[in-house]
Amino acid sequence: MPTKEKEKPQDVHERVYELLHTRGITAAINGLIAVAEDPQAPAPARATASAALFRAAGFFDGDKEDLADKKPSELSPDELNRLTHRLKREIEERDAQRAVEHTDDDGPGEGDNKGPLFD
């Protein structure tokens, strides 16, 4: 009868990490959304679920400051991921704003000699 090989701790950690970051996160978010949307849920539960959703989405400024105060080497993988997403979002917003500003500057009559239209 073949013996079952013992699973290595590293393999277990990798499997659990993968489950947490796929099914676990999905289940947690779905649960939070269900509680936040349930009119029969107690108000404190709805408020807590809503706050957790806002925090997960990065809407609380406190999260932003906490991450900004830390060195990259002090951040957890989750914090690095959140910071990376936030920075990418900020860059995209700045690029979009610059594109709008640049588009506004194009065309005849632009620059210092705009004329009396808005004076």
PDB file of N, CA and C in Angstrom:
ATOM      1  N   MET A   1       0.842  -1.167   0.000  1.00  0.00           N
ATOM      2  CA  MET A   1       0.000   0.000   0.000  1.00  0.00           C
ATOM      3  C   MET A   1       0.892   1.236   0.000  1.00  0.00           C
ATOM      4  N   PRO A   2       0.664   2.183  -0.951  1.00  0.00           N
ATOM      5  CA  PRO A   2       1.534   3.349  -1.030  1.00  0.00           C
ATOM      6  C   PRO A   2       1.318   4.273   0.166  1.00  0.00           C
ATOM      7  N   THR A   3       2.420   4.853   0.613  1.00  0.00           N
ATOM      8  CA  THR A   3       2.327   5.802   1.727  1.00  0.00           C
ATOM      9  C   THR A   3       2.107   7.198   1.176  1.00  0.00           C
ATOM     10  N   LYS A   4       1.314   7.933   1.876  1.00  0.00           N
ATOM     11  CA  LYS A   4       1.028   9.300   1.475  1.00  0.00           C
ATOM     12  C   LYS A   4       2.175  10.182   1.936  1.00  0.00           C
ATOM     13  N   GLU A   5       2.730  10.941   0.996  1.00  0.00           N
ATOM     14  CA  GLU A   5       3.836  11.834   1.311  1.00  0.00           C
ATOM     15  C   GLU A   5       3.308  13.032   2.104  1.00  0.00           C
ATOM     16  N   LYS A   6       4.027  13.374   3.159  1.00  0.00           N
ATOM     17  CA  LYS A   6       3.616  14.492   4.007  1.00  0.00           C
ATOM     18  C   LYS A   6       3.809  15.809   3.252  1.00  0.00           C
ATOM     19  N   GLU A   7       2.796  16.662   3.337  1.00  0.00           N
ATOM     20  CA  GLU A   7       2.841  17.943   2.652  1.00  0.00           C
ATOM     21  C   GLU A   7       3.803  18.887   3.376  1.00  0.00           C
ATOM     22  N   LYS A   8       4.596  19.606   2.605  1.00  0.00           N
ATOM     23  CA  LYS A   8       5.548  20.538   3.167  1.00  0.00           C
ATOM     24  C   LYS A   8       4.827  21.786   3.655  1.00  0.00           C
ATOM     25  N   PRO A   9       5.296  22.372   4.776  1.00  0.00           N
ATOM     26  CA  PRO A   9       4.654  23.595   5.287  1.00  0.00           C
ATOM     27  C   PRO A   9       4.588  24.714   4.245  1.00  0.00           C
ATOM     28  N   GLN A  10       5.628  24.848   3.445  1.00  0.00           N
ATOM     29  CA  GLN A  10       5.630  25.890   2.422  1.00  0.00           C
ATOM     30  C   GLN A  10       4.503  25.672   1.418  1.00  0.00           C
ATOM     31  N   ASP A  11       4.260  24.416   1.047  1.00  0.00           N
ATOM     32  CA  ASP A  11       3.179  24.112   0.115  1.00  0.00           C
ATOM     33  C   ASP A  11       1.820  24.436   0.728  1.00  0.00           C
ATOM     34  N   VAL A  12       1.675  24.130   2.017  1.00  0.00           N
ATOM     35  CA  VAL A  12       0.425  24.444   2.712  1.00  0.00           C
ATOM     36  C   VAL A  12       0.214  25.951   2.741  1.00  0.00           C
ATOM     37  N   HIS A  13       1.253  26.709   3.072  1.00  0.00           N
ATOM     38  CA  HIS A  13       1.160  28.171   3.140  1.00  0.00           C
ATOM     39  C   HIS A  13       0.782  28.747   1.773  1.00  0.00           C
ATOM     40  N   GLU A  14       1.396  28.251   0.723  1.00  0.00           N
ATOM     41  CA  GLU A  14       1.091  28.738  -0.620  1.00  0.00           C
ATOM     42  C   GLU A  14      -0.355  28.446  -1.002  1.00  0.00           C
ATOM     43  N   ARG A  15      -0.824  27.231  -0.658  1.00  0.00           N
ATOM     44  CA  ARG A  15      -2.199  26.859  -0.976  1.00  0.00           C
ATOM     45  C   ARG A  15      -3.186  27.725  -0.207  1.00  0.00           C
ATOM     46  N   VAL A  16      -2.924  27.932   1.079  1.00  0.00           N
ATOM     47  CA  VAL A  16      -3.805  28.762   1.906  1.00  0.00           C
ATOM     48  C   VAL A  16      -3.783  30.211   1.425  1.00  0.00           C
ATOM     49  N   TYR A  17      -2.594  30.721   1.116  1.00  0.00           N
ATOM     50  CA  TYR A  17      -2.458  32.089   0.615  1.00  0.00           C
ATOM     51  C   TYR A  17      -3.294  32.266  -0.653  1.00  0.00           C
ATOM     52  N   GLU A  18      -3.202  31.301  -1.559  1.00  0.00           N
ATOM     53  CA  GLU A  18      -3.968  31.366  -2.806  1.00  0.00           C
ATOM     54  C   GLU A  18      -5.470  31.348  -2.531  1.00  0.00           C
ATOM     55  N   LEU A  19      -5.914  30.493  -1.626  1.00  0.00           N
ATOM     56  CA  LEU A  19      -7.339  30.439  -1.277  1.00  0.00           C
ATOM     57  C   LEU A  19      -7.816  31.742  -0.653  1.00  0.00           C
ATOM     58  N   LEU A  20      -7.012  32.288   0.248  1.00  0.00           N
ATOM     59  CA  LEU A  20      -7.390  33.547   0.899  1.00  0.00           C
ATOM     60  C   LEU A  20      -7.490  34.691  -0.101  1.00  0.00           C
ATOM     61  N   HIS A  21      -6.591  34.713  -1.053  1.00  0.00           N
ATOM     62  CA  HIS A  21      -6.564  35.817  -2.003  1.00  0.00           C
ATOM     63  C   HIS A  21      -7.461  35.604  -3.216  1.00  0.00           C
ATOM     64  N   THR A  22      -8.179  34.525  -3.252  1.00  0.00           N
ATOM     65  CA  THR A  22      -9.143  34.306  -4.326  1.00  0.00           C
ATOM     66  C   THR A  22     -10.528  34.138  -3.703  1.00  0.00           C
ATOM     67  N   ARG A  23     -10.815  32.952  -3.246  1.00  0.00           N
ATOM     68  CA  ARG A  23     -12.140  32.672  -2.681  1.00  0.00           C
ATOM     69  C   ARG A  23     -12.392  33.430  -1.394  1.00  0.00           C
ATOM     70  N   GLY A  24     -11.371  33.564  -0.563  1.00  0.00           N
ATOM     71  CA  GLY A  24     -11.554  34.232   0.725  1.00  0.00           C
ATOM     72  C   GLY A  24     -11.935  35.692   0.576  1.00  0.00           C
ATOM     73  N   ILE A  25     -11.217  36.401  -0.276  1.00  0.00           N
ATOM     74  CA  ILE A  25     -11.518  37.819  -0.484  1.00  0.00           C
ATOM     75  C   ILE A  25     -12.883  37.984  -1.130  1.00  0.00           C
ATOM     76  N   THR A  26     -13.183  37.148  -2.096  1.00  0.00           N
ATOM     77  CA  THR A  26     -14.488  37.223  -2.756  1.00  0.00           C
ATOM     78  C   THR A  26     -15.618  36.974  -1.757  1.00  0.00           C
ATOM     79  N   ALA A  27     -15.464  35.959  -0.936  1.00  0.00           N
ATOM     80  CA  ALA A  27     -16.492  35.650   0.065  1.00  0.00           C
ATOM     81  C   ALA A  27     -16.630  36.787   1.073  1.00  0.00           C
ATOM     82  N   ALA A  28     -15.513  37.334   1.511  1.00  0.00           N
ATOM     83  CA  ALA A  28     -15.551  38.425   2.487  1.00  0.00           C
ATOM     84  C   ALA A  28     -16.240  39.656   1.916  1.00  0.00           C
ATOM     85  N   ILE A  29     -15.884  40.025   0.715  1.00  0.00           N
ATOM     86  CA  ILE A  29     -16.497  41.204   0.092  1.00  0.00           C
ATOM     87  C   ILE A  29     -17.978  40.966  -0.152  1.00  0.00           C
ATOM     88  N   ASN A  30     -18.326  39.775  -0.643  1.00  0.00           N
ATOM     89  CA  ASN A  30     -19.745  39.462  -0.864  1.00  0.00           C
ATOM     90  C   ASN A  30     -20.529  39.516   0.444  1.00  0.00           C
ATOM     91  N   GLY A  31     -19.922  39.026   1.520  1.00  0.00           N
ATOM     92  CA  GLY A  31     -20.577  39.085   2.829  1.00  0.00           C
ATOM     93  C   GLY A  31     -20.766  40.511   3.307  1.00  0.00           C
ATOM     94  N   LEU A  32     -19.729  41.329   3.156  1.00  0.00           N
ATOM     95  CA  LEU A  32     -19.839  42.735   3.557  1.00  0.00           C
ATOM     96  C   LEU A  32     -20.919  43.458   2.754  1.00  0.00           C
ATOM     97  N   ILE A  33     -20.940  43.209   1.451  1.00  0.00           N
ATOM     98  CA  ILE A  33     -21.949  43.849   0.605  1.00  0.00           C
ATOM     99  C   ILE A  33     -23.345  43.394   1.008  1.00  0.00           C
ATOM    100  N   ALA A  34     -23.502  42.099   1.279  1.00  0.00           N
ATOM    101  CA  ALA A  34     -24.814  41.568   1.675  1.00  0.00           C
ATOM    102  C   ALA A  34     -25.303  42.226   2.968  1.00  0.00           C
ATOM    103  N   VAL A  35     -24.411  42.375   3.938  1.00  0.00           N
ATOM    104  CA  VAL A  35     -24.796  43.006   5.206  1.00  0.00           C
ATOM    105  C   VAL A  35     -25.101  44.488   4.985  1.00  0.00           C
ATOM    106  N   ALA A  36     -24.259  45.178   4.214  1.00  0.00           N
ATOM    107  CA  ALA A  36     -24.464  46.612   3.981  1.00  0.00           C
ATOM    108  C   ALA A  36     -25.777  46.887   3.250  1.00  0.00           C
ATOM    109  N   GLU A  37     -26.193  45.969   2.384  1.00  0.00           N
ATOM    110  CA  GLU A  37     -27.425  46.161   1.612  1.00  0.00           C
ATOM    111  C   GLU A  37     -28.678  45.619   2.291  1.00  0.00           C
ATOM    112  N   ASP A  38     -28.518  44.865   3.362  1.00  0.00           N
ATOM    113  CA  ASP A  38     -29.663  44.219   4.016  1.00  0.00           C
ATOM    114  C   ASP A  38     -30.395  45.200   4.922  1.00  0.00           C
ATOM    115  N   PRO A  39     -31.604  45.612   4.543  1.00  0.00           N
ATOM    116  CA  PRO A  39     -32.336  46.565   5.385  1.00  0.00           C
ATOM    117  C   PRO A  39     -32.745  45.969   6.737  1.00  0.00           C
ATOM    118  N   GLN A  40     -32.727  44.634   6.851  1.00  0.00           N
ATOM    119  CA  GLN A  40     -33.095  43.982   8.108  1.00  0.00           C
ATOM    120  C   GLN A  40     -31.898  43.830   9.054  1.00  0.00           C
ATOM    121  N   ALA A  41     -30.689  44.076   8.560  1.00  0.00           N
ATOM    122  CA  ALA A  41     -29.490  43.954   9.399  1.00  0.00           C
ATOM    123  C   ALA A  41     -29.473  45.093  10.415  1.00  0.00           C
ATOM    124  N   PRO A  42     -28.950  44.828  11.606  1.00  0.00           N
ATOM    125  CA  PRO A  42     -28.859  45.901  12.602  1.00  0.00           C
ATOM    126  C   PRO A  42     -28.001  47.053  12.078  1.00  0.00           C
ATOM    127  N   ALA A  43     -28.363  48.256  12.457  1.00  0.00           N
ATOM    128  CA  ALA A  43     -27.648  49.447  11.987  1.00  0.00           C
ATOM    129  C   ALA A  43     -26.141  49.381  12.261  1.00  0.00           C
ATOM    130  N   PRO A  44     -25.701  48.942  13.459  1.00  0.00           N
ATOM    131  CA  PRO A  44     -24.250  48.873  13.678  1.00  0.00           C
ATOM    132  C   PRO A  44     -23.543  47.905  12.725  1.00  0.00           C
ATOM    133  N   ALA A  45     -24.207  46.795  12.389  1.00  0.00           N
ATOM    134  CA  ALA A  45     -23.614  45.828  11.462  1.00  0.00           C
ATOM    135  C   ALA A  45     -23.508  46.433  10.065  1.00  0.00           C
ATOM    136  N   ARG A  46     -24.552  47.150   9.650  1.00  0.00           N
ATOM    137  CA  ARG A  46     -24.515  47.798   8.332  1.00  0.00           C
ATOM    138  C   ARG A  46     -23.445  48.869   8.281  1.00  0.00           C
ATOM    139  N   ALA A  47     -23.333  49.650   9.349  1.00  0.00           N
ATOM    140  CA  ALA A  47     -22.318  50.704   9.394  1.00  0.00           C
ATOM    141  C   ALA A  47     -20.907  50.114   9.361  1.00  0.00           C
ATOM    142  N   THR A  48     -20.703  49.050  10.116  1.00  0.00           N
ATOM    143  CA  THR A  48     -19.385  48.404  10.139  1.00  0.00           C
ATOM    144  C   THR A  48     -19.040  47.821   8.778  1.00  0.00           C
ATOM    145  N   ALA A  49     -20.014  47.162   8.150  1.00  0.00           N
ATOM    146  CA  ALA A  49     -19.783  46.589   6.817  1.00  0.00           C
ATOM    147  C   ALA A  49     -19.492  47.692   5.803  1.00  0.00           C
ATOM    148  N   SER A  50     -20.237  48.774   5.876  1.00  0.00           N
ATOM    149  CA  SER A  50     -20.015  49.891   4.953  1.00  0.00           C
ATOM    150  C   SER A  50     -18.634  50.492   5.148  1.00  0.00           C
ATOM    151  N   ALA A  51     -18.238  50.686   6.389  1.00  0.00           N
ATOM    152  CA  ALA A  51     -16.914  51.245   6.676  1.00  0.00           C
ATOM    153  C   ALA A  51     -15.814  50.314   6.163  1.00  0.00           C
ATOM    154  N   ALA A  52     -15.999  49.021   6.342  1.00  0.00           N
ATOM    155  CA  ALA A  52     -15.001  48.062   5.854  1.00  0.00           C
ATOM    156  C   ALA A  52     -14.901  48.108   4.330  1.00  0.00           C
ATOM    157  N   LEU A  53     -16.025  48.280   3.655  1.00  0.00           N
ATOM    158  CA  LEU A  53     -16.011  48.381   2.200  1.00  0.00           C
ATOM    159  C   LEU A  53     -15.296  49.662   1.747  1.00  0.00           C
ATOM    160  N   PHE A  54     -15.587  50.764   2.425  1.00  0.00           N
ATOM    161  CA  PHE A  54     -14.901  52.017   2.083  1.00  0.00           C
ATOM    162  C   PHE A  54     -13.399  51.894   2.334  1.00  0.00           C
ATOM    163  N   ARG A  55     -13.037  51.284   3.450  1.00  0.00           N
ATOM    164  CA  ARG A  55     -11.620  51.121   3.771  1.00  0.00           C
ATOM    165  C   ARG A  55     -10.938  50.233   2.720  1.00  0.00           C
ATOM    166  N   ALA A  56     -11.590  49.147   2.335  1.00  0.00           N
ATOM    167  CA  ALA A  56     -11.025  48.239   1.336  1.00  0.00           C
ATOM    168  C   ALA A  56     -10.856  48.939  -0.009  1.00  0.00           C
ATOM    169  N   ALA A  57     -11.757  49.862  -0.305  1.00  0.00           N
ATOM    170  CA  ALA A  57     -11.683  50.598  -1.565  1.00  0.00           C
ATOM    171  C   ALA A  57     -10.696  51.759  -1.497  1.00  0.00           C
ATOM    172  N   GLY A  58     -10.155  52.040  -0.301  1.00  0.00           N
ATOM    173  CA  GLY A  58      -9.163  53.092  -0.150  1.00  0.00           C
ATOM    174  C   GLY A  58      -9.735  54.482  -0.011  1.00  0.00           C
ATOM    175  N   PHE A  59     -10.978  54.601   0.433  1.00  0.00           N
ATOM    176  CA  PHE A  59     -11.610  55.912   0.543  1.00  0.00           C
ATOM    177  C   PHE A  59     -11.292  56.659   1.825  1.00  0.00           C
ATOM    178  N   PHE A  60     -10.700  56.002   2.802  1.00  0.00           N
ATOM    179  CA  PHE A  60     -10.385  56.688   4.049  1.00  0.00           C
ATOM    180  C   PHE A  60      -9.000  57.302   3.953  1.00  0.00           C
ATOM    181  N   ASP A  61      -8.903  58.582   4.214  1.00  0.00           N
ATOM    182  CA  ASP A  61      -7.623  59.287   4.123  1.00  0.00           C
ATOM    183  C   ASP A  61      -6.611  58.743   5.113  1.00  0.00           C
ATOM    184  N   GLY A  62      -7.061  58.241   6.235  1.00  0.00           N
ATOM    185  CA  GLY A  62      -6.147  57.700   7.236  1.00  0.00           C
ATOM    186  C   GLY A  62      -5.299  56.577   6.675  1.00  0.00           C
ATOM    187  N   ASP A  63      -5.886  55.749   5.819  1.00  0.00           N
ATOM    188  CA  ASP A  63      -5.134  54.674   5.183  1.00  0.00           C
ATOM    189  C   ASP A  63      -4.022  55.252   4.317  1.00  0.00           C
ATOM    190  N   LYS A  64      -4.362  56.333   3.603  1.00  0.00           N
ATOM    191  CA  LYS A  64      -3.402  56.955   2.705  1.00  0.00           C
ATOM    192  C   LYS A  64      -2.208  57.489   3.491  1.00  0.00           C
ATOM    193  N   GLU A  65      -2.481  58.172   4.598  1.00  0.00           N
ATOM    194  CA  GLU A  65      -1.412  58.749   5.406  1.00  0.00           C
ATOM    195  C   GLU A  65      -0.574  57.667   6.073  1.00  0.00           C
ATOM    196  N   ASP A  66      -1.213  56.621   6.563  1.00  0.00           N
ATOM    197  CA  ASP A  66      -0.469  55.541   7.214  1.00  0.00           C
ATOM    198  C   ASP A  66       0.538  54.921   6.255  1.00  0.00           C
ATOM    199  N   LEU A  67       0.119  54.716   5.013  1.00  0.00           N
ATOM    200  CA  LEU A  67       1.005  54.108   4.032  1.00  0.00           C
ATOM    201  C   LEU A  67       2.108  55.080   3.627  1.00  0.00           C
ATOM    202  N   ALA A  68       1.782  56.354   3.553  1.00  0.00           N
ATOM    203  CA  ALA A  68       2.770  57.352   3.143  1.00  0.00           C
ATOM    204  C   ALA A  68       3.854  57.533   4.198  1.00  0.00           C
ATOM    205  N   ASP A  69       3.524  57.272   5.444  1.00  0.00           N
ATOM    206  CA  ASP A  69       4.482  57.456   6.530  1.00  0.00           C
ATOM    207  C   ASP A  69       5.464  56.294   6.664  1.00  0.00           C
ATOM    208  N   LYS A  70       5.172  55.186   6.001  1.00  0.00           N
ATOM    209  CA  LYS A  70       6.023  54.005   6.119  1.00  0.00           C
ATOM    210  C   LYS A  70       6.993  53.910   4.951  1.00  0.00           C
ATOM    211  N   LYS A  71       8.148  53.327   5.216  1.00  0.00           N
ATOM    212  CA  LYS A  71       9.088  53.008   4.150  1.00  0.00           C
ATOM    213  C   LYS A  71       8.556  51.779   3.414  1.00  0.00           C
ATOM    214  N   PRO A  72       8.831  51.660   2.116  1.00  0.00           N
ATOM    215  CA  PRO A  72       8.358  50.476   1.381  1.00  0.00           C
ATOM    216  C   PRO A  72       8.769  49.162   2.044  1.00  0.00           C
ATOM    217  N   SER A  73       9.932  49.127   2.653  1.00  0.00           N
ATOM    218  CA  SER A  73      10.383  47.891   3.292  1.00  0.00           C
ATOM    219  C   SER A  73       9.568  47.542   4.529  1.00  0.00           C
ATOM    220  N   GLU A  74       8.810  48.513   5.057  1.00  0.00           N
ATOM    221  CA  GLU A  74       7.999  48.287   6.254  1.00  0.00           C
ATOM    222  C   GLU A  74       6.563  47.884   5.912  1.00  0.00           C
ATOM    223  N   LEU A  75       6.207  47.943   4.640  1.00  0.00           N
ATOM    224  CA  LEU A  75       4.844  47.647   4.227  1.00  0.00           C
ATOM    225  C   LEU A  75       4.640  46.151   4.028  1.00  0.00           C
ATOM    226  N   SER A  76       3.447  45.700   4.378  1.00  0.00           N
ATOM    227  CA  SER A  76       3.076  44.307   4.118  1.00  0.00           C
ATOM    228  C   SER A  76       2.769  44.168   2.623  1.00  0.00           C
ATOM    229  N   PRO A  77       2.707  42.944   2.107  1.00  0.00           N
ATOM    230  CA  PRO A  77       2.344  42.777   0.689  1.00  0.00           C
ATOM    231  C   PRO A  77       0.992  43.412   0.357  1.00  0.00           C
ATOM    232  N   ASP A  78       0.020  43.312   1.263  1.00  0.00           N
ATOM    233  CA  ASP A  78      -1.290  43.913   1.022  1.00  0.00           C
ATOM    234  C   ASP A  78      -1.182  45.437   0.978  1.00  0.00           C
ATOM    235  N   GLU A  79      -0.403  46.017   1.894  1.00  0.00           N
ATOM    236  CA  GLU A  79      -0.220  47.461   1.906  1.00  0.00           C
ATOM    237  C   GLU A  79       0.499  47.934   0.647  1.00  0.00           C
ATOM    238  N   LEU A  80       1.512  47.189   0.211  1.00  0.00           N
ATOM    239  CA  LEU A  80       2.209  47.536  -1.029  1.00  0.00           C
ATOM    240  C   LEU A  80       1.255  47.494  -2.217  1.00  0.00           C
ATOM    241  N   ASN A  81       0.397  46.497  -2.243  1.00  0.00           N
ATOM    242  CA  ASN A  81      -0.578  46.372  -3.323  1.00  0.00           C
ATOM    243  C   ASN A  81      -1.542  47.560  -3.318  1.00  0.00           C
ATOM    244  N   ARG A  82      -2.056  47.914  -2.132  1.00  0.00           N
ATOM    245  CA  ARG A  82      -2.971  49.055  -2.037  1.00  0.00           C
ATOM    246  C   ARG A  82      -2.284  50.349  -2.445  1.00  0.00           C
ATOM    247  N   LEU A  83      -1.041  50.532  -1.981  1.00  0.00           N
ATOM    248  CA  LEU A  83      -0.303  51.740  -2.318  1.00  0.00           C
ATOM    249  C   LEU A  83      -0.040  51.806  -3.824  1.00  0.00           C
ATOM    250  N   THR A  84       0.322  50.688  -4.421  1.00  0.00           N
ATOM    251  CA  THR A  84       0.572  50.649  -5.858  1.00  0.00           C
ATOM    252  C   THR A  84      -0.680  51.006  -6.636  1.00  0.00           C
ATOM    253  N   HIS A  85      -1.825  50.432  -6.250  1.00  0.00           N
ATOM    254  CA  HIS A  85      -3.080  50.738  -6.929  1.00  0.00           C
ATOM    255  C   HIS A  85      -3.447  52.208  -6.758  1.00  0.00           C
ATOM    256  N   ARG A  86      -3.253  52.735  -5.556  1.00  0.00           N
ATOM    257  CA  ARG A  86      -3.584  54.143  -5.300  1.00  0.00           C
ATOM    258  C   ARG A  86      -2.705  55.052  -6.147  1.00  0.00           C
ATOM    259  N   LEU A  87      -1.398  54.757  -6.200  1.00  0.00           N
ATOM    260  CA  LEU A  87      -0.487  55.587  -6.979  1.00  0.00           C
ATOM    261  C   LEU A  87      -0.806  55.513  -8.471  1.00  0.00           C
ATOM    262  N   LYS A  88      -1.131  54.325  -8.968  1.00  0.00           N
ATOM    263  CA  LYS A  88      -1.515  54.190 -10.374  1.00  0.00           C
ATOM    264  C   LYS A  88      -2.771  55.001 -10.664  1.00  0.00           C
ATOM    265  N   ARG A  89      -3.743  54.943  -9.759  1.00  0.00           N
ATOM    266  CA  ARG A  89      -4.989  55.689  -9.928  1.00  0.00           C
ATOM    267  C   ARG A  89      -4.708  57.196  -9.941  1.00  0.00           C
ATOM    268  N   GLU A  90      -3.831  57.655  -9.035  1.00  0.00           N
ATOM    269  CA  GLU A  90      -3.490  59.074  -8.987  1.00  0.00           C
ATOM    270  C   GLU A  90      -2.781  59.512 -10.267  1.00  0.00           C
ATOM    271  N   ILE A  91      -1.884  58.677 -10.779  1.00  0.00           N
ATOM    272  CA  ILE A  91      -1.181  59.001 -12.026  1.00  0.00           C
ATOM    273  C   ILE A  91      -2.176  59.089 -13.177  1.00  0.00           C
ATOM    274  N   GLU A  92      -3.104  58.134 -13.251  1.00  0.00           N
ATOM    275  CA  GLU A  92      -4.105  58.157 -14.311  1.00  0.00           C
ATOM    276  C   GLU A  92      -4.978  59.404 -14.219  1.00  0.00           C
ATOM    277  N   GLU A  93      -5.352  59.792 -12.987  1.00  0.00           N
ATOM    278  CA  GLU A  93      -6.166  60.996 -12.804  1.00  0.00           C
ATOM    279  C   GLU A  93      -5.392  62.245 -13.226  1.00  0.00           C
ATOM    280  N   ARG A  94      -4.113  62.321 -12.870  1.00  0.00           N
ATOM    281  CA  ARG A  94      -3.289  63.471 -13.274  1.00  0.00           C
ATOM    282  C   ARG A  94      -3.122  63.522 -14.783  1.00  0.00           C
ATOM    283  N   ASP A  95      -2.872  62.361 -15.392  1.00  0.00           N
ATOM    284  CA  ASP A  95      -2.724  62.311 -16.844  1.00  0.00           C
ATOM    285  C   ASP A  95      -4.008  62.753 -17.535  1.00  0.00           C
ATOM    286  N   ALA A  96      -5.141  62.306 -17.015  1.00  0.00           N
ATOM    287  CA  ALA A  96      -6.426  62.696 -17.597  1.00  0.00           C
ATOM    288  C   ALA A  96      -6.640  64.198 -17.442  1.00  0.00           C
ATOM    289  N   GLN A  97      -6.295  64.750 -16.280  1.00  0.00           N
ATOM    290  CA  GLN A  97      -6.439  66.184 -16.049  1.00  0.00           C
ATOM    291  C   GLN A  97      -5.521  66.976 -16.976  1.00  0.00           C
ATOM    292  N   ARG A  98      -4.285  66.509 -17.133  1.00  0.00           N
ATOM    293  CA  ARG A  98      -3.340  67.184 -18.033  1.00  0.00           C
ATOM    294  C   ARG A  98      -3.841  67.139 -19.472  1.00  0.00           C
ATOM    295  N   ALA A  99      -4.427  66.030 -19.866  1.00  0.00           N
ATOM    296  CA  ALA A  99      -4.952  65.916 -21.223  1.00  0.00           C
ATOM    297  C   ALA A  99      -6.070  66.923 -21.442  1.00  0.00           C
ATOM    298  N   VAL A 100      -6.935  67.081 -20.435  1.00  0.00           N
ATOM    299  CA  VAL A 100      -8.023  68.057 -20.535  1.00  0.00           C
ATOM    300  C   VAL A 100      -7.446  69.467 -20.588  1.00  0.00           C
ATOM    301  N   GLU A 101      -6.482  69.762 -19.724  1.00  0.00           N
ATOM    302  CA  GLU A 101      -5.867  71.097 -19.708  1.00  0.00           C
ATOM    303  C   GLU A 101      -5.157  71.377 -21.016  1.00  0.00           C
ATOM    304  N   HIS A 102      -4.469  70.379 -21.552  1.00  0.00           N
ATOM    305  CA  HIS A 102      -3.741  70.554 -22.807  1.00  0.00           C
ATOM    306  C   HIS A 102      -4.720  70.775 -23.953  1.00  0.00           C
ATOM    307  N   THR A 103      -5.824  70.057 -23.943  1.00  0.00           N
ATOM    308  CA  THR A 103      -6.841  70.216 -24.982  1.00  0.00           C
ATOM    309  C   THR A 103      -7.430  71.613 -24.913  1.00  0.00           C
ATOM    310  N   ASP A 104      -7.627  72.133 -23.706  1.00  0.00           N
ATOM    311  CA  ASP A 104      -8.168  73.483 -23.537  1.00  0.00           C
ATOM    312  C   ASP A 104      -7.225  74.539 -24.077  1.00  0.00           C
ATOM    313  N   ASP A 105      -5.912  74.277 -24.100  1.00  0.00           N
ATOM    314  CA  ASP A 105      -4.922  75.252 -24.560  1.00  0.00           C
ATOM    315  C   ASP A 105      -4.765  75.246 -26.076  1.00  0.00           C
ATOM    316  N   ASP A 106      -5.262  74.233 -26.750  1.00  0.00           N
ATOM    317  CA  ASP A 106      -5.099  74.130 -28.196  1.00  0.00           C
ATOM    318  C   ASP A 106      -6.059  75.076 -28.910  1.00  0.00           C
ATOM    319  N   GLY A 107      -5.705  75.395 -30.118  1.00  0.00           N
ATOM    320  CA  GLY A 107      -6.616  76.159 -30.950  1.00  0.00           C
ATOM    321  C   GLY A 107      -6.179  77.582 -31.131  1.00  0.00           C
ATOM    322  N   PRO A 108      -6.759  78.246 -32.148  1.00  0.00           N
ATOM    323  CA  PRO A 108      -6.391  79.627 -32.432  1.00  0.00           C
ATOM    324  C   PRO A 108      -6.866  80.563 -31.328  1.00  0.00           C
ATOM    325  N   GLY A 109      -6.085  81.616 -31.112  1.00  0.00           N
ATOM    326  CA  GLY A 109      -6.461  82.616 -30.123  1.00  0.00           C
ATOM    327  C   GLY A 109      -6.119  82.236 -28.713  1.00  0.00           C
ATOM    328  N   GLU A 110      -5.457  81.093 -28.504  1.00  0.00           N
ATOM    329  CA  GLU A 110      -5.115  80.662 -27.152  1.00  0.00           C
ATOM    330  C   GLU A 110      -3.808  81.297 -26.716  1.00  0.00           C
ATOM    331  N   GLY A 111      -3.491  81.205 -25.457  1.00  0.00           N
ATOM    332  CA  GLY A 111      -2.245  81.755 -24.927  1.00  0.00           C
ATOM    333  C   GLY A 111      -2.490  83.092 -24.266  1.00  0.00           C
ATOM    334  N   ASP A 112      -1.460  83.942 -24.279  1.00  0.00           N
ATOM    335  CA  ASP A 112      -1.560  85.237 -23.617  1.00  0.00           C
ATOM    336  C   ASP A 112      -2.510  86.190 -24.334  1.00  0.00           C
ATOM    337  N   ASN A 113      -2.734  85.991 -25.611  1.00  0.00           N
ATOM    338  CA  ASN A 113      -3.568  86.904 -26.398  1.00  0.00           C
ATOM    339  C   ASN A 113      -4.954  86.302 -26.645  1.00  0.00           C
ATOM    340  N   LYS A 114      -5.644  85.954 -25.579  1.00  0.00           N
ATOM    341  CA  LYS A 114      -6.956  85.314 -25.724  1.00  0.00           C
ATOM    342  C   LYS A 114      -8.033  86.295 -26.137  1.00  0.00           C
ATOM    343  N   GLY A 115      -7.818  87.532 -25.919  1.00  0.00           N
ATOM    344  CA  GLY A 115      -8.802  88.518 -26.301  1.00  0.00           C
ATOM    345  C   GLY A 115      -9.768  88.790 -25.163  1.00  0.00           C
ATOM    346  N   PRO A 116     -10.737  89.652 -25.401  1.00  0.00           N
ATOM    347  CA  PRO A 116     -11.612  90.140 -24.340  1.00  0.00           C
ATOM    348  C   PRO A 116     -12.807  89.238 -24.036  1.00  0.00           C
ATOM    349  N   LEU A 117     -12.856  88.039 -24.605  1.00  0.00           N
ATOM    350  CA  LEU A 117     -14.028  87.180 -24.444  1.00  0.00           C
ATOM    351  C   LEU A 117     -14.386  86.944 -22.985  1.00  0.00           C
ATOM    352  N   PHE A 118     -13.411  86.640 -22.137  1.00  0.00           N
ATOM    353  CA  PHE A 118     -13.696  86.333 -20.733  1.00  0.00           C
ATOM    354  C   PHE A 118     -13.166  87.399 -19.795  1.00  0.00           C
ATOM    355  N   ASP A 119     -12.763  88.540 -20.304  1.00  0.00           N
ATOM    356  CA  ASP A 119     -12.245  89.609 -19.441  1.00  0.00           C
ATOM    357  C   ASP A 119     -13.366  90.399 -18.811  1.00  0.00           C
TER     358      ASP A 119
END
